[in-house]
Structures are given as structure tokens and as C-alpha cells.
Protein backbone atom coordinates (compact mmCIF):
# COMPACT_ATOMS: atom_id res chain seq x y z
CA PRO A 1 14.01 13.97 23.10
CA PRO A 2 16.66 15.78 21.32
CA VAL A 3 18.95 13.33 19.88
CA LEU A 4 22.63 14.24 20.71
CA PRO A 5 24.90 15.04 17.82
CA THR A 6 26.74 12.15 17.90
CA ARG A 7 29.26 11.33 14.29
CA TYR A 8 26.15 8.07 13.92
CA ASP A 9 23.34 10.74 13.95
CA ARG A 10 25.00 13.32 11.82
CA ASN A 11 25.19 10.18 8.92
CA PHE A 12 22.23 9.10 9.50
CA ARG A 13 20.91 12.22 8.88
CA ARG A 14 23.20 13.34 6.04
CA ALA A 15 21.74 9.85 4.40
CA ARG A 16 17.88 10.40 4.79
CA ARG A 17 18.28 13.87 4.17
CA THR A 18 19.91 12.85 0.65
CA LEU A 19 17.10 10.02 0.06
CA PHE A 20 15.14 12.53 0.08
CA GLU A 21 16.29 14.34 -2.10
CA VAL A 22 16.68 12.03 -4.30
CA VAL A 23 13.33 10.47 -3.96
CA ASP A 24 12.02 14.47 -4.36
CA GLN A 25 13.60 14.75 -7.78
CA ILE A 26 12.12 11.65 -8.99
CA ILE A 27 8.32 12.60 -7.94
CA ALA A 28 9.01 16.05 -9.67
CA VAL A 29 10.57 14.66 -12.80
CA LYS A 30 7.24 11.78 -12.59
CA ARG A 31 4.92 15.33 -12.18
CA ALA A 32 6.18 16.65 -14.99
CA HIS A 33 5.87 13.81 -17.72
CA ARG A 34 2.50 12.15 -16.23
CA GLY A 35 0.52 9.83 -17.84
CA ASP A 36 4.07 8.61 -19.55
CA SER A 37 4.24 6.04 -17.52
CA ASP A 38 2.64 2.96 -15.78
CA ASP A 39 4.51 2.19 -13.03
CA LEU A 40 3.81 2.13 -9.12
CA SER A 41 5.00 5.58 -8.97
CA SER A 42 2.36 7.09 -10.92
CA LEU A 43 -0.12 5.14 -9.49
CA PHE A 44 0.66 7.49 -6.48
CA MET A 45 -0.05 9.73 -8.08
CA GLU A 46 -3.22 9.58 -9.79
CA ARG A 47 -6.42 10.78 -7.72
CA GLU A 48 -8.20 9.05 -4.84
CA ASP A 49 -11.59 7.20 -5.48
CA GLU A 50 -13.11 8.51 -2.23
CA THR A 51 -11.44 12.23 -1.75
CA ASP A 52 -10.73 13.44 -5.50
CA GLU A 53 -7.15 15.05 -4.49
CA ARG A 54 -3.75 13.59 -5.44
CA MET A 55 -1.76 12.51 -3.02
CA SER A 56 1.06 15.44 -1.99
CA ASP A 57 4.58 15.00 -2.17
CA ASP A 58 5.49 14.28 1.41
CA GLN A 59 2.28 11.61 1.24
CA LEU A 60 4.38 10.48 -1.90
CA ARG A 61 7.91 10.77 -0.49
CA ASN A 62 6.66 8.80 2.98
CA GLU A 63 5.04 6.16 0.67
CA VAL A 64 7.95 5.26 -1.19
CA THR A 65 10.66 5.59 1.60
CA THR A 66 8.73 3.43 3.45
CA LEU A 67 7.94 0.94 0.38
CA LEU A 68 11.83 1.03 0.21
CA ALA A 69 12.75 0.53 3.50
CA GLY A 70 10.25 -2.16 3.87
CA HIS A 71 11.87 -3.89 0.41
CA GLU A 72 15.69 -3.56 1.94
CA THR A 73 14.59 -5.29 5.49
CA THR A 74 13.32 -8.04 2.88
CA VAL A 75 16.33 -8.35 1.52
CA VAL A 76 18.25 -8.39 3.88
CA LEU A 77 16.21 -11.17 6.12
CA THR A 78 16.12 -13.36 3.00
């Protein structure tokens, strides 16, 4: 169902949009400099063994934000 445009909802949507923009910028830089680093995001960008396809930018953004959210939750709990 549609969410009421409360202050909390507007702030949440703005924060999510900002996070997505930052992650999209990082993905664009990583794609431009492919092979320059050996980090987790670079591994995500490599071709899948079974399908021989690369993850789309949307898939990469979802993976990165999921990792960030999981890390943040773990940090808060410990």
C-alpha cells in the first residue's frame, strides 16, 4: 500500500535515494577501472561461472546495500 507522506517517510526516501546514488557512483567508478582492485565489489562484477553473464548495476546495488545493512545491524547488536 502507498505510504503516507509523513516526515519520517520523506526523510527515509531521501536517505535511501542518497545511499543509492552513492553506491551507483561507486559502481560506475569500479566499472571504469575494472581489474584495478581485488575487493568484494570487483568480485561481484566478474562474470558468473554458470551463466557467463555479469550482474546488472541494479543487482550490484542490491548486493552492496544488503551487505551494508547487514553490517550495520551486526554493529548495532554487538
